[in-house]
C-alpha atoms as a PDB file:
ATOM      1  CA  MET A   1     116.335  80.588  59.975  1.00  0.00           C
ATOM      2  CA  SER A   2     117.252  77.755  62.376  1.00  0.00           C
ATOM      3  CA  LYS A   3     120.394  76.644  62.894  1.00  0.00           C
ATOM      4  CA  GLU A   4     119.457  72.855  62.390  1.00  0.00           C
ATOM      5  CA  ALA A   5     117.800  74.201  59.010  1.00  0.00           C
ATOM      6  CA  ILE A   6     121.705  75.572  58.394  1.00  0.00           C
ATOM      7  CA  LYS A   7     123.661  71.886  59.928  1.00  0.00           C
ATOM      8  CA  ASN A   8     120.934  70.167  57.412  1.00  0.00           C
ATOM      9  CA  ALA A   9     122.147  72.122  54.637  1.00  0.00           C
ATOM     10  CA  LEU A  10     126.154  71.714  55.795  1.00  0.00           C
ATOM     11  CA  SER A  11     125.343  67.735  55.807  1.00  0.00           C
ATOM     12  CA  THR A  12     125.114  67.487  52.047  1.00  0.00           C
ATOM     13  CA  VAL A  13     128.919  68.733  51.372  1.00  0.00           C
ATOM     14  CA  LYS A  14     131.089  65.763  51.707  1.00  0.00           C
ATOM     15  CA  TYR A  15     134.559  65.900  53.153  1.00  0.00           C
ATOM     16  CA  PRO A  16     136.908  65.433  49.906  1.00  0.00           C
ATOM     17  CA  GLY A  17     137.940  61.629  48.409  1.00  0.00           C
ATOM     18  CA  PHE A  18     134.645  60.702  51.309  1.00  0.00           C
ATOM     19  CA  SER A  19     131.212  59.541  50.572  1.00  0.00           C
ATOM     20  CA  ARG A  20     130.839  60.955  54.448  1.00  0.00           C
ATOM     21  CA  ASP A  21     129.730  64.371  54.670  1.00  0.00           C
ATOM     22  CA  ILE A  22     131.348  67.218  57.758  1.00  0.00           C
ATOM     23  CA  VAL A  23     128.762  67.404  60.177  1.00  0.00           C
ATOM     24  CA  SER A  24     128.848  63.410  60.744  1.00  0.00           C
ATOM     25  CA  PHE A  25     132.556  63.736  60.952  1.00  0.00           C
ATOM     26  CA  GLY A  26     132.118  66.289  63.709  1.00  0.00           C
ATOM     27  CA  LEU A  27     134.391  69.217  61.650  1.00  0.00           C
ATOM     28  CA  VAL A  28     131.385  71.536  62.026  1.00  0.00           C
ATOM     29  CA  ARG A  29     132.631  74.208  65.415  1.00  0.00           C
ATOM     30  CA  SER A  30     129.755  76.517  65.012  1.00  0.00           C
ATOM     31  CA  VAL A  31     126.277  78.112  63.595  1.00  0.00           C
ATOM     32  CA  GLU A  32     125.250  80.959  62.876  1.00  0.00           C
ATOM     33  CA  PHE A  33     122.191  82.546  61.122  1.00  0.00           C
ATOM     34  CA  GLN A  34     120.991  86.351  62.184  1.00  0.00           C
ATOM     35  CA  ASP A  35     119.624  88.803  59.374  1.00  0.00           C
ATOM     36  CA  GLY A  36     120.083  86.989  56.338  1.00  0.00           C
ATOM     37  CA  LYS A  37     123.789  86.391  57.234  1.00  0.00           C
ATOM     38  CA  ALA A  38     125.183  82.414  58.019  1.00  0.00           C
ATOM     39  CA  GLN A  39     128.089  81.967  60.032  1.00  0.00           C
ATOM     40  CA  VAL A  40     130.067  78.662  59.714  1.00  0.00           C
ATOM     41  CA  GLY A  41     132.958  77.722  61.720  1.00  0.00           C
ATOM     42  CA  ILE A  42     134.749  74.490  60.136  1.00  0.00           C
ATOM     43  CA  THR A  43     137.935  72.988  62.103  1.00  0.00           C
ATOM     44  CA  VAL A  44     139.853  70.474  59.498  1.00  0.00           C
ATOM     45  CA  THR A  45     142.757  68.440  60.794  1.00  0.00           C
ATOM     46  CA  THR A  46     144.960  68.157  57.951  1.00  0.00           C
ATOM     47  CA  ASN A  47     148.134  69.306  55.761  1.00  0.00           C
ATOM     48  CA  ASP A  48     146.517  69.899  52.760  1.00  0.00           C
ATOM     49  CA  HIS A  49     145.221  73.508  52.637  1.00  0.00           C
ATOM     50  CA  SER A  50     143.497  72.903  49.246  1.00  0.00           C
ATOM     51  CA  ILE A  51     141.296  70.628  51.324  1.00  0.00           C
ATOM     52  CA  ALA A  52     140.266  73.418  53.298  1.00  0.00           C
ATOM     53  CA  ALA A  53     139.615  75.646  50.577  1.00  0.00           C
ATOM     54  CA  GLN A  54     137.448  72.851  48.802  1.00  0.00           C
ATOM     55  CA  ILE A  55     135.660  72.431  52.151  1.00  0.00           C
ATOM     56  CA  ARG A  56     135.050  76.312  52.002  1.00  0.00           C
ATOM     57  CA  ASP A  57     133.830  76.665  48.651  1.00  0.00           C
ATOM     58  CA  SER A  58     131.182  73.459  49.154  1.00  0.00           C
ATOM     59  CA  VAL A  59     130.080  74.737  52.153  1.00  0.00           C
ATOM     60  CA  GLU A  60     129.613  78.548  50.691  1.00  0.00           C
ATOM     61  CA  SER A  61     127.996  76.631  47.386  1.00  0.00           C
ATOM     62  CA  ALA A  62     125.036  74.997  49.935  1.00  0.00           C
ATOM     63  CA  LEU A  63     124.299  77.588  51.784  1.00  0.00           C
ATOM     64  CA  ASN A  64     123.937  80.024  48.934  1.00  0.00           C
ATOM     65  CA  ALA A  65     121.279  77.843  47.479  1.00  0.00           C
ATOM     66  CA  LEU A  66     119.266  78.478  50.955  1.00  0.00           C
ATOM     67  CA  PRO A  67     116.552  81.307  50.175  1.00  0.00           C
ATOM     68  CA  GLU A  68     116.653  82.651  53.158  1.00  0.00           C
ATOM     69  CA  VAL A  69     120.705  83.243  52.916  1.00  0.00           C
ATOM     70  CA  ASP A  70     121.750  86.636  51.720  1.00  0.00           C
ATOM     71  CA  GLU A  71     125.340  86.402  52.739  1.00  0.00           C
ATOM     72  CA  VAL A  72     127.942  83.703  53.926  1.00  0.00           C
ATOM     73  CA  GLU A  73     131.187  84.019  55.989  1.00  0.00           C
ATOM     74  CA  VAL A  74     132.898  80.133  56.320  1.00  0.00           C
ATOM     75  CA  SER A  75     136.160  80.275  58.871  1.00  0.00           C
ATOM     76  CA  VAL A  76     137.682  77.295  58.135  1.00  0.00           C
ATOM     77  CA  SER A  77     140.912  76.326  60.826  1.00  0.00           C
ATOM     78  CA  ILE A  78     143.719  73.993  60.316  1.00  0.00           C
ATOM     79  CA  ASN A  79     144.927  71.734  62.919  1.00  0.00           C
ATOM     80  CA  ALA A  80     147.792  70.649  61.056  1.00  0.00           C
ATOM     81  CA  SER A  81     147.755  66.253  61.130  1.00  0.00           C
ATOM     82  CA  ASN A  82     151.385  65.637  61.066  1.00  0.00           C
ATOM     83  CA  LYS A  83     153.266  67.383  63.934  1.00  0.00           C
ATOM     84  CA  PRO A  84     156.893  67.326  64.261  1.00  0.00           C
ATOM     85  CA  SER A  85     157.666  64.942  67.032  1.00  0.00           C
ATOM     86  CA  GLY A  86     159.909  66.205  70.179  1.00  0.00           C
ATOM     87  CA  ALA A  87     160.035  65.184  73.649  1.00  0.00           C
ATOM     88  CA  GLY A  88     157.503  67.087  74.409  1.00  0.00           C
ATOM     89  CA  GLU A  89     155.144  65.734  72.517  1.00  0.00           C
ATOM     90  CA  THR A  90     152.296  63.876  74.707  1.00  0.00           C
ATOM     91  CA  GLN A  91     150.257  61.270  74.038  1.00  0.00           C
ATOM     92  CA  GLU A  92     147.262  63.820  73.173  1.00  0.00           C
ATOM     93  CA  SER A  93     149.003  64.754  70.007  1.00  0.00           C
ATOM     94  CA  ASN A  94     150.256  61.658  68.929  1.00  0.00           C
ATOM     95  CA  PRO A  95     147.334  59.120  69.309  1.00  0.00           C
ATOM     96  CA  LEU A  96     150.108  56.199  68.789  1.00  0.00           C
ATOM     97  CA  GLY A  97     151.912  57.339  71.517  1.00  0.00           C
ATOM     98  CA  GLY A  98     149.997  54.167  73.488  1.00  0.00           C
ATOM     99  CA  VAL A  99     150.522  51.293  70.644  1.00  0.00           C
ATOM    100  CA  LYS A 100     153.389  49.422  71.783  1.00  0.00           C
ATOM    101  CA  HIS A 101     154.219  47.334  68.311  1.00  0.00           C
ATOM    102  CA  VAL A 102     152.815  47.818  64.967  1.00  0.00           C
ATOM    103  CA  ILE A 103     153.047  44.926  62.208  1.00  0.00           C
ATOM    104  CA  ALA A 104     152.113  45.055  58.961  1.00  0.00           C
ATOM    105  CA  VAL A 105     150.923  41.871  56.955  1.00  0.00           C
ATOM    106  CA  ALA A 106     151.674  41.870  53.502  1.00  0.00           C
ATOM    107  CA  SER A 107     152.116  39.723  50.365  1.00  0.00           C
ATOM    108  CA  GLY A 108     153.026  42.151  47.167  1.00  0.00           C
ATOM    109  CA  LYS A 109     150.363  39.738  45.602  1.00  0.00           C
ATOM    110  CA  GLY A 110     146.474  39.654  45.735  1.00  0.00           C
ATOM    111  CA  GLY A 111     144.279  36.597  46.676  1.00  0.00           C
ATOM    112  CA  VAL A 112     146.591  35.337  48.863  1.00  0.00           C
ATOM    113  CA  GLY A 113     144.645  35.714  52.340  1.00  0.00           C
ATOM    114  CA  LYS A 114     145.199  38.408  53.566  1.00  0.00           C
ATOM    115  CA  SER A 115     142.831  40.126  55.532  1.00  0.00           C
ATOM    116  CA  THR A 116     142.002  36.659  56.776  1.00  0.00           C
ATOM    117  CA  PHE A 117     144.848  36.116  58.374  1.00  0.00           C
ATOM    118  CA  SER A 118     145.129  39.761  59.215  1.00  0.00           C
ATOM    119  CA  SER A 119     142.023  39.503  61.164  1.00  0.00           C
ATOM    120  CA  ASN A 120     142.770  35.411  63.113  1.00  0.00           C
ATOM    121  CA  LEU A 121     145.789  36.608  63.583  1.00  0.00           C
ATOM    122  CA  ALA A 122     144.617  39.895  65.700  1.00  0.00           C
ATOM    123  CA  CYS A 123     142.512  37.587  67.405  1.00  0.00           C
ATOM    124  CA  ALA A 124     144.741  35.031  68.186  1.00  0.00           C
ATOM    125  CA  LEU A 125     146.831  37.447  69.171  1.00  0.00           C
ATOM    126  CA  SER A 126     144.518  38.924  71.736  1.00  0.00           C
ATOM    127  CA  ALA A 127     143.672  35.431  73.299  1.00  0.00           C
ATOM    128  CA  LEU A 128     147.381  35.181  74.635  1.00  0.00           C
ATOM    129  CA  LEU A 129     147.380  39.056  75.656  1.00  0.00           C
ATOM    130  CA  SER A 130     143.735  39.737  77.293  1.00  0.00           C
ATOM    131  CA  ALA A 131     145.085  37.449  80.218  1.00  0.00           C
ATOM    132  CA  ALA A 132     147.686  40.232  81.035  1.00  0.00           C
ATOM    133  CA  GLY A 133     145.321  42.652  80.875  1.00  0.00           C
ATOM    134  CA  LYS A 134     146.788  43.518  76.756  1.00  0.00           C
ATOM    135  CA  ARG A 135     144.922  44.656  74.526  1.00  0.00           C
ATOM    136  CA  VAL A 136     145.283  44.521  70.082  1.00  0.00           C
ATOM    137  CA  GLY A 137     144.283  46.262  67.319  1.00  0.00           C
ATOM    138  CA  LEU A 138     143.587  46.006  63.889  1.00  0.00           C
ATOM    139  CA  LEU A 139     144.164  48.429  60.986  1.00  0.00           C
ATOM    140  CA  ASP A 140     142.963  47.723  57.551  1.00  0.00           C
ATOM    141  CA  CYS A 141     144.791  50.119  55.084  1.00  0.00           C
ATOM    142  CA  ASP A 142     143.234  48.090  51.843  1.00  0.00           C
ATOM    143  CA  ILE A 143     141.542  51.541  50.327  1.00  0.00           C
ATOM    144  CA  TYR A 144     140.269  49.928  47.168  1.00  0.00           C
ATOM    145  CA  GLY A 145     139.056  46.590  48.691  1.00  0.00           C
ATOM    146  CA  PRO A 146     138.543  47.030  52.658  1.00  0.00           C
ATOM    147  CA  SER A 147     137.139  43.665  53.935  1.00  0.00           C
ATOM    148  CA  ILE A 148     137.769  43.363  57.608  1.00  0.00           C
ATOM    149  CA  PRO A 149     134.440  45.001  58.268  1.00  0.00           C
ATOM    150  CA  LEU A 150     132.838  41.838  56.852  1.00  0.00           C
ATOM    151  CA  MET A 151     135.242  39.657  58.265  1.00  0.00           C
ATOM    152  CA  MET A 152     135.072  40.980  62.260  1.00  0.00           C
ATOM    153  CA  GLY A 153     131.320  41.425  62.281  1.00  0.00           C
ATOM    154  CA  ILE A 154     131.188  45.306  62.663  1.00  0.00           C
ATOM    155  CA  ASN A 155     129.740  47.835  60.022  1.00  0.00           C
ATOM    156  CA  GLN A 156     129.212  51.262  61.662  1.00  0.00           C
ATOM    157  CA  ARG A 157     130.187  54.815  61.611  1.00  0.00           C
ATOM    158  CA  PRO A 158     132.951  55.750  63.866  1.00  0.00           C
ATOM    159  CA  GLU A 159     132.691  58.569  66.397  1.00  0.00           C
ATOM    160  CA  ILE A 160     134.999  61.997  66.702  1.00  0.00           C
ATOM    161  CA  GLU A 161     136.073  63.079  70.617  1.00  0.00           C
ATOM    162  CA  GLU A 162     137.647  66.040  69.973  1.00  0.00           C
ATOM    163  CA  GLU A 163     138.793  65.931  66.357  1.00  0.00           C
ATOM    164  CA  THR A 164     140.142  62.378  66.754  1.00  0.00           C
ATOM    165  CA  ILE A 165     137.956  58.745  65.370  1.00  0.00           C
ATOM    166  CA  LEU A 166     137.539  56.575  67.877  1.00  0.00           C
ATOM    167  CA  PRO A 167     138.102  53.437  66.647  1.00  0.00           C
ATOM    168  CA  LEU A 168     134.778  50.569  66.552  1.00  0.00           C
ATOM    169  CA  GLU A 169     135.382  47.595  68.720  1.00  0.00           C
ATOM    170  CA  ASN A 170     134.118  44.285  68.472  1.00  0.00           C
ATOM    171  CA  HIS A 171     135.808  40.727  69.666  1.00  0.00           C
ATOM    172  CA  GLY A 172     137.588  42.638  72.297  1.00  0.00           C
ATOM    173  CA  ILE A 173     139.822  44.239  69.612  1.00  0.00           C
ATOM    174  CA  SER A 174     140.456  48.297  67.925  1.00  0.00           C
ATOM    175  CA  ILE A 175     139.614  48.027  64.467  1.00  0.00           C
ATOM    176  CA  MET A 176     139.924  51.042  62.609  1.00  0.00           C
ATOM    177  CA  SER A 177     138.846  50.396  57.868  1.00  0.00           C
ATOM    178  CA  MET A 178     138.109  52.747  55.027  1.00  0.00           C
ATOM    179  CA  GLY A 179     135.021  50.957  54.942  1.00  0.00           C
ATOM    180  CA  PHE A 180     133.752  52.356  58.057  1.00  0.00           C
ATOM    181  CA  LEU A 181     134.077  55.738  56.336  1.00  0.00           C
ATOM    182  CA  ILE A 182     132.494  54.981  52.516  1.00  0.00           C
ATOM    183  CA  ASP A 183     130.006  53.472  51.713  1.00  0.00           C
ATOM    184  CA  GLU A 184     129.074  49.883  51.212  1.00  0.00           C
ATOM    185  CA  ASP A 185     128.632  50.461  47.663  1.00  0.00           C
ATOM    186  CA  THR A 186     130.986  53.775  47.033  1.00  0.00           C
ATOM    187  CA  PRO A 187     134.153  52.671  44.902  1.00  0.00           C
ATOM    188  CA  VAL A 188     137.341  54.450  45.846  1.00  0.00           C
ATOM    189  CA  VAL A 189     139.092  55.808  42.682  1.00  0.00           C
ATOM    190  CA  TRP A 190     141.954  57.812  44.602  1.00  0.00           C
ATOM    191  CA  ARG A 191     145.272  58.232  43.037  1.00  0.00           C
ATOM    192  CA  GLY A 192     148.854  58.149  45.535  1.00  0.00           C
ATOM    193  CA  PRO A 193     148.498  61.722  47.591  1.00  0.00           C
ATOM    194  CA  MET A 194     144.866  60.888  48.857  1.00  0.00           C
ATOM    195  CA  ILE A 195     146.182  57.192  49.397  1.00  0.00           C
ATOM    196  CA  GLN A 196     149.174  58.677  51.484  1.00  0.00           C
ATOM    197  CA  LYS A 197     147.072  61.305  53.151  1.00  0.00           C
ATOM    198  CA  THR A 198     144.452  58.838  54.631  1.00  0.00           C
ATOM    199  CA  ILE A 199     146.745  56.374  55.550  1.00  0.00           C
ATOM    200  CA  SER A 200     148.251  59.241  57.316  1.00  0.00           C
ATOM    201  CA  GLN A 201     145.315  60.310  59.247  1.00  0.00           C
ATOM    202  CA  PHE A 202     144.565  56.377  60.477  1.00  0.00           C
ATOM    203  CA  ALA A 203     147.653  57.006  62.353  1.00  0.00           C
ATOM    204  CA  ASP A 204     147.679  60.314  63.525  1.00  0.00           C
ATOM    205  CA  ASN A 205     143.565  60.503  64.321  1.00  0.00           C
ATOM    206  CA  VAL A 206     142.390  57.805  65.490  1.00  0.00           C
ATOM    207  CA  LYS A 207     142.321  57.279  69.000  1.00  0.00           C
ATOM    208  CA  TRP A 208     143.786  54.033  69.210  1.00  0.00           C
ATOM    209  CA  GLY A 209     144.784  54.195  73.475  1.00  0.00           C
ATOM    210  CA  ASN A 210     146.969  51.509  74.979  1.00  0.00           C
ATOM    211  CA  LEU A 211     147.512  48.789  72.733  1.00  0.00           C
ATOM    212  CA  GLU A 212     150.540  46.066  72.989  1.00  0.00           C
ATOM    213  CA  VAL A 213     150.139  45.389  69.197  1.00  0.00           C
ATOM    214  CA  ILE A 214     148.350  46.505  66.066  1.00  0.00           C
ATOM    215  CA  VAL A 215     148.119  44.186  62.903  1.00  0.00           C
ATOM    216  CA  VAL A 216     147.680  46.471  59.981  1.00  0.00           C
ATOM    217  CA  ASP A 217     146.192  44.697  57.219  1.00  0.00           C
ATOM    218  CA  LEU A 218     147.767  46.120  53.404  1.00  0.00           C
ATOM    219  CA  PRO A 219     146.317  46.350  49.878  1.00  0.00           C
ATOM    220  CA  PRO A 220     148.126  44.039  47.621  1.00  0.00           C
ATOM    221  CA  GLY A 221     151.251  45.280  45.504  1.00  0.00           C
ATOM    222  CA  THR A 222     154.303  47.528  46.124  1.00  0.00           C
ATOM    223  CA  GLY A 223     152.822  51.183  45.449  1.00  0.00           C
ATOM    224  CA  ASP A 224     151.691  54.081  47.567  1.00  0.00           C
ATOM    225  CA  ALA A 225     150.129  52.343  50.362  1.00  0.00           C
ATOM    226  CA  GLN A 226     152.883  50.434  51.648  1.00  0.00           C
ATOM    227  CA  LEU A 227     155.732  53.570  50.776  1.00  0.00           C
ATOM    228  CA  SER A 228     153.317  55.471  53.277  1.00  0.00           C
ATOM    229  CA  LEU A 229     152.118  52.740  56.216  1.00  0.00           C
ATOM    230  CA  ALA A 230     156.565  52.558  56.161  1.00  0.00           C
ATOM    231  CA  GLN A 231     157.290  56.370  55.957  1.00  0.00           C
ATOM    232  CA  THR A 232     154.137  57.177  58.629  1.00  0.00           C
ATOM    233  CA  ILE A 233     153.872  54.651  61.128  1.00  0.00           C
ATOM    234  CA  PRO A 234     156.947  53.108  63.070  1.00  0.00           C
ATOM    235  CA  LEU A 235     156.611  49.560  61.947  1.00  0.00           C
ATOM    236  CA  SER A 236     157.563  47.072  64.452  1.00  0.00           C
ATOM    237  CA  GLY A 237     158.058  44.545  61.568  1.00  0.00           C
ATOM    238  CA  ALA A 238     156.143  42.697  58.927  1.00  0.00           C
ATOM    239  CA  ILE A 239     154.354  39.456  58.359  1.00  0.00           C
ATOM    240  CA  ILE A 240     155.359  38.373  54.315  1.00  0.00           C
ATOM    241  CA  VAL A 241     152.016  35.858  52.996  1.00  0.00           C
ATOM    242  CA  THR A 242     152.481  33.878  50.641  1.00  0.00           C
ATOM    243  CA  THR A 243     150.645  30.476  49.200  1.00  0.00           C
ATOM    244  CA  PRO A 244     152.774  27.643  47.665  1.00  0.00           C
ATOM    245  CA  GLN A 245     153.208  28.509  43.744  1.00  0.00           C
ATOM    246  CA  LEU A 246     156.801  30.546  42.210  1.00  0.00           C
ATOM    247  CA  ALA A 247     153.579  33.106  40.980  1.00  0.00           C
ATOM    248  CA  SER A 248     153.194  33.848  44.709  1.00  0.00           C
ATOM    249  CA  THR A 249     156.087  33.457  46.051  1.00  0.00           C
ATOM    250  CA  GLN A 250     158.002  35.745  43.754  1.00  0.00           C
ATOM    251  CA  VAL A 251     155.408  38.979  44.139  1.00  0.00           C
ATOM    252  CA  ALA A 252     155.913  38.013  47.947  1.00  0.00           C
ATOM    253  CA  LYS A 253     159.661  37.701  48.304  1.00  0.00           C
ATOM    254  CA  ARG A 254     159.823  41.812  46.183  1.00  0.00           C
ATOM    255  CA  GLY A 255     156.943  42.798  48.684  1.00  0.00           C
ATOM    256  CA  ALA A 256     159.843  42.026  51.181  1.00  0.00           C
ATOM    257  CA  ARG A 257     162.170  43.731  49.369  1.00  0.00           C
ATOM    258  CA  MET A 258     160.371  46.826  48.820  1.00  0.00           C
ATOM    259  CA  LEU A 259     159.660  46.435  52.971  1.00  0.00           C
ATOM    260  CA  GLU A 260     163.260  45.701  53.922  1.00  0.00           C
ATOM    261  CA  LYS A 261     164.424  49.268  51.442  1.00  0.00           C
ATOM    262  CA  THR A 262     162.394  51.257  54.101  1.00  0.00           C
ATOM    263  CA  ASN A 263     163.887  49.794  56.773  1.00  0.00           C
ATOM    264  CA  VAL A 264     160.852  47.665  57.680  1.00  0.00           C
ATOM    265  CA  PRO A 265     162.289  43.957  59.428  1.00  0.00           C
ATOM    266  CA  ILE A 266     160.653  40.963  58.362  1.00  0.00           C
ATOM    267  CA  LEU A 267     159.245  38.909  61.099  1.00  0.00           C
ATOM    268  CA  GLY A 268     158.847  35.435  58.733  1.00  0.00           C
ATOM    269  CA  VAL A 269     156.959  34.025  56.497  1.00  0.00           C
ATOM    270  CA  VAL A 270     153.655  32.703  56.476  1.00  0.00           C
ATOM    271  CA  GLU A 271     152.050  30.190  53.857  1.00  0.00           C
ATOM    272  CA  ASN A 272     148.414  30.417  53.664  1.00  0.00           C
ATOM    273  CA  MET A 273     146.292  27.592  51.594  1.00  0.00           C
ATOM    274  CA  SER A 274     149.195  24.753  52.060  1.00  0.00           C
ATOM    275  CA  TYR A 275     147.051  21.812  51.279  1.00  0.00           C
ATOM    276  CA  PHE A 276     143.141  20.783  51.718  1.00  0.00           C
ATOM    277  CA  LEU A 277     142.243  17.604  53.658  1.00  0.00           C
ATOM    278  CA  ASP A 278     139.734  15.881  51.872  1.00  0.00           C
ATOM    279  CA  PRO A 279     136.704  14.200  53.333  1.00  0.00           C
ATOM    280  CA  ASN A 280     139.297  11.058  53.836  1.00  0.00           C
ATOM    281  CA  GLY A 281     142.099  13.024  55.767  1.00  0.00           C
ATOM    282  CA  GLU A 282     144.500  12.726  52.492  1.00  0.00           C
ATOM    283  CA  LYS A 283     146.357  15.816  52.298  1.00  0.00           C
ATOM    284  CA  LEU A 284     146.320  17.585  48.766  1.00  0.00           C
ATOM    285  CA  ALA A 285     148.908  20.138  48.015  1.00  0.00           C
ATOM    286  CA  ILE A 286     146.459  21.695  45.254  1.00  0.00           C
ATOM    287  CA  PHE A 287     148.851  24.794  44.623  1.00  0.00           C
ATOM    288  CA  GLY A 288     151.524  23.044  45.342  1.00  0.00           C
ATOM    289  CA  GLU A 289     154.592  22.470  47.879  1.00  0.00           C
ATOM    290  CA  GLY A 290     157.748  24.328  49.722  1.00  0.00           C
ATOM    291  CA  GLY A 291     156.869  27.138  48.230  1.00  0.00           C
ATOM    292  CA  GLY A 292     156.573  29.104  52.287  1.00  0.00           C
ATOM    293  CA  GLU A 293     159.394  27.778  52.788  1.00  0.00           C
ATOM    294  CA  LYS A 294     161.854  28.488  50.276  1.00  0.00           C
ATOM    295  CA  THR A 295     160.513  32.033  50.335  1.00  0.00           C
ATOM    296  CA  ALA A 296     161.678  32.720  53.838  1.00  0.00           C
ATOM    297  CA  GLU A 297     165.474  30.819  53.652  1.00  0.00           C
ATOM    298  CA  GLU A 298     165.793  32.834  50.457  1.00  0.00           C
ATOM    299  CA  LEU A 299     164.515  36.201  52.400  1.00  0.00           C
ATOM    300  CA  GLU A 300     166.701  34.902  55.521  1.00  0.00           C
ATOM    301  CA  THR A 301     164.055  35.032  57.632  1.00  0.00           C
ATOM    302  CA  GLN A 302     161.548  32.495  59.808  1.00  0.00           C
ATOM    303  CA  PHE A 303     159.353  30.500  58.525  1.00  0.00           C
ATOM    304  CA  LEU A 304     156.352  30.975  61.359  1.00  0.00           C
ATOM    305  CA  GLY A 305     154.324  27.995  59.290  1.00  0.00           C
ATOM    306  CA  SER A 306     151.345  26.693  57.432  1.00  0.00           C
ATOM    307  CA  LEU A 307     147.992  27.045  57.225  1.00  0.00           C
ATOM    308  CA  PRO A 308     145.386  25.497  55.206  1.00  0.00           C
ATOM    309  CA  LEU A 309     142.771  25.815  52.307  1.00  0.00           C
ATOM    310  CA  ASP A 310     139.985  25.388  55.240  1.00  0.00           C
ATOM    311  CA  PRO A 311     136.499  25.702  54.072  1.00  0.00           C
ATOM    312  CA  GLU A 312     135.725  26.650  57.530  1.00  0.00           C
ATOM    313  CA  ILE A 313     137.691  30.007  57.891  1.00  0.00           C
ATOM    314  CA  ARG A 314     135.887  31.672  55.105  1.00  0.00           C
ATOM    315  CA  LYS A 315     132.267  30.230  56.315  1.00  0.00           C
ATOM    316  CA  ALA A 316     133.003  31.707  60.240  1.00  0.00           C
ATOM    317  CA  GLY A 317     134.838  35.597  58.078  1.00  0.00           C
ATOM    318  CA  ASP A 318     131.165  35.297  56.345  1.00  0.00           C
ATOM    319  CA  LYS A 319     129.650  35.609  59.490  1.00  0.00           C
ATOM    320  CA  GLY A 320     131.792  38.041  60.833  1.00  0.00           C
ATOM    321  CA  THR A 321     133.543  36.136  63.666  1.00  0.00           C
ATOM    322  CA  PRO A 322     137.440  34.610  62.499  1.00  0.00           C
ATOM    323  CA  LEU A 323     137.469  30.940  63.006  1.00  0.00           C
ATOM    324  CA  THR A 324     140.222  31.486  65.669  1.00  0.00           C
ATOM    325  CA  LEU A 325     137.137  32.536  68.109  1.00  0.00           C
ATOM    326  CA  ALA A 326     134.805  30.418  65.915  1.00  0.00           C
ATOM    327  CA  ASN A 327     136.356  27.307  66.848  1.00  0.00           C
ATOM    328  CA  LYS A 328     139.167  28.002  69.159  1.00  0.00           C
ATOM    329  CA  ASP A 329     140.082  24.050  68.421  1.00  0.00           C
ATOM    330  CA  SER A 330     139.898  23.442  65.016  1.00  0.00           C
ATOM    331  CA  GLN A 331     143.590  22.572  63.874  1.00  0.00           C
ATOM    332  CA  THR A 332     143.293  25.976  61.784  1.00  0.00           C
ATOM    333  CA  SER A 333     142.896  27.714  64.610  1.00  0.00           C
ATOM    334  CA  LYS A 334     145.647  25.876  66.491  1.00  0.00           C
ATOM    335  CA  SER A 335     147.940  26.739  63.947  1.00  0.00           C
ATOM    336  CA  PHE A 336     147.277  30.355  63.983  1.00  0.00           C
ATOM    337  CA  GLN A 337     147.609  30.466  67.593  1.00  0.00           C
ATOM    338  CA  THR A 338     150.949  28.685  67.209  1.00  0.00           C
ATOM    339  CA  ILE A 339     151.940  31.832  64.551  1.00  0.00           C
ATOM    340  CA  ALA A 340     151.155  33.860  67.113  1.00  0.00           C
ATOM    341  CA  GLU A 341     152.851  33.010  70.010  1.00  0.00           C
ATOM    342  CA  LYS A 342     156.226  32.965  67.570  1.00  0.00           C
ATOM    343  CA  ILE A 343     155.626  36.095  66.172  1.00  0.00           C
ATOM    344  CA  LEU A 344     155.167  37.397  70.319  1.00  0.00           C
ATOM    345  CA  GLN A 345     158.467  36.311  70.898  1.00  0.00           C
ATOM    346  CA  LYS A 346     159.882  37.619  67.989  1.00  0.00           C
ATOM    347  CA  LEU A 347     158.699  40.762  69.520  1.00  0.00           C
ATOM    348  CA  GLY A 348     160.294  40.344  72.939  1.00  0.00           C
ATOM    349  CA  GLN A 349     156.612  39.735  74.513  1.00  0.00           C
ATOM    350  CA  GLN A 350     157.314  35.957  75.372  1.00  0.00           C
END
C-alpha cells in the first residue's frame, strides 16, 4: 500500500471544529507502511490535549477502515501554542513580535458596519504608511459571520510553513480570517472555549511578520471573543463604531466599558451611517443625529469622525476592493483618510 493512499485516507480527518483536514493543515509529519502496519506521525500546535486525542482517535478509525491495514500506530506530538513570555523569546516563537500596534474595532452591537469600516480603515492606514515602507494587517475575528474575505476580494486557503499559518495578502495587506479555514456554507457552532482557542491561534500560530498596525475586526457583543482577544493580544487600543440612534449608542458604550475593564484604552469613537445624501445633495439624517459625538463625550474619548450611508461603499465591498482603494477621491474615502490620520496620531506615528 502506498504512502499516498494513506495520506488520502488521512485527508478525511478534519481538525476538530474546522471543516479543513489535517493533511491540508500540514499536521502530518510522517507516514510509513510495511507488512500491513501503518505508522503515522502528527504534530499539533495547541494547549488542549483533548484535541490531540480526538485527532489520534480519528486517524486510527480512518486507517483501520482500510482493508490493507492490519495494525495502526499513531504518534501525536504537541507543540504548545501559548508559551510563557520571557527575555529569551524570539520572533520565531512569537509571531506577533514583529507587530508594533494592534487596534480592535468594536461596537457591542451588530449591523453598524464594523467589517466595512475595518477593511476601509486598513486600506487607508496602508496608504498612509506604505510610503515609509510600513505594512498593515487585517485580522477578522468575527468567528460566526466572517465577511472580510468578501470585502477584501480574497477567498483561498492559507499555507502552512513550519507549523505556522501564512496570512493571505491582497491590496498590499496581510489578512487572516475564519472564512479562510471553513467552507463557505459551513456554519460555526461553537461554545466559548473553541472561540478562545481560535483567537489564541490567530495570535500565536499566524506568521504575521513585521507590521506597523494590525486592525482587528471584532464580532458583535461583549462575550468570549472580546475577552479572549483582550487577554491574548496586547492591544494598543480600540475604536468604537456606532450609528447615531440611541439603540446603537447605548450598546456601544457597554462594549467600550467592557474593554476598559480589561485595560484596553479607547482610541476614539466613529459614527457610521451618519447621514444619506439624496440626489439633490441634501443630507438626510435617517438614523438621527449626534449619537457618535455624545458617545465619545460620555466615554471621555475623542470623536474621530462621521461616515455617510453611502451605496458606493457597499458596492465596492461586494466587488472585493474597498472604496478607499476603488475611489480614493470620493468624500467617503477622504473621511476614512482623515480618521486614519487621527488614529496614527493617537498611536504616536505622526
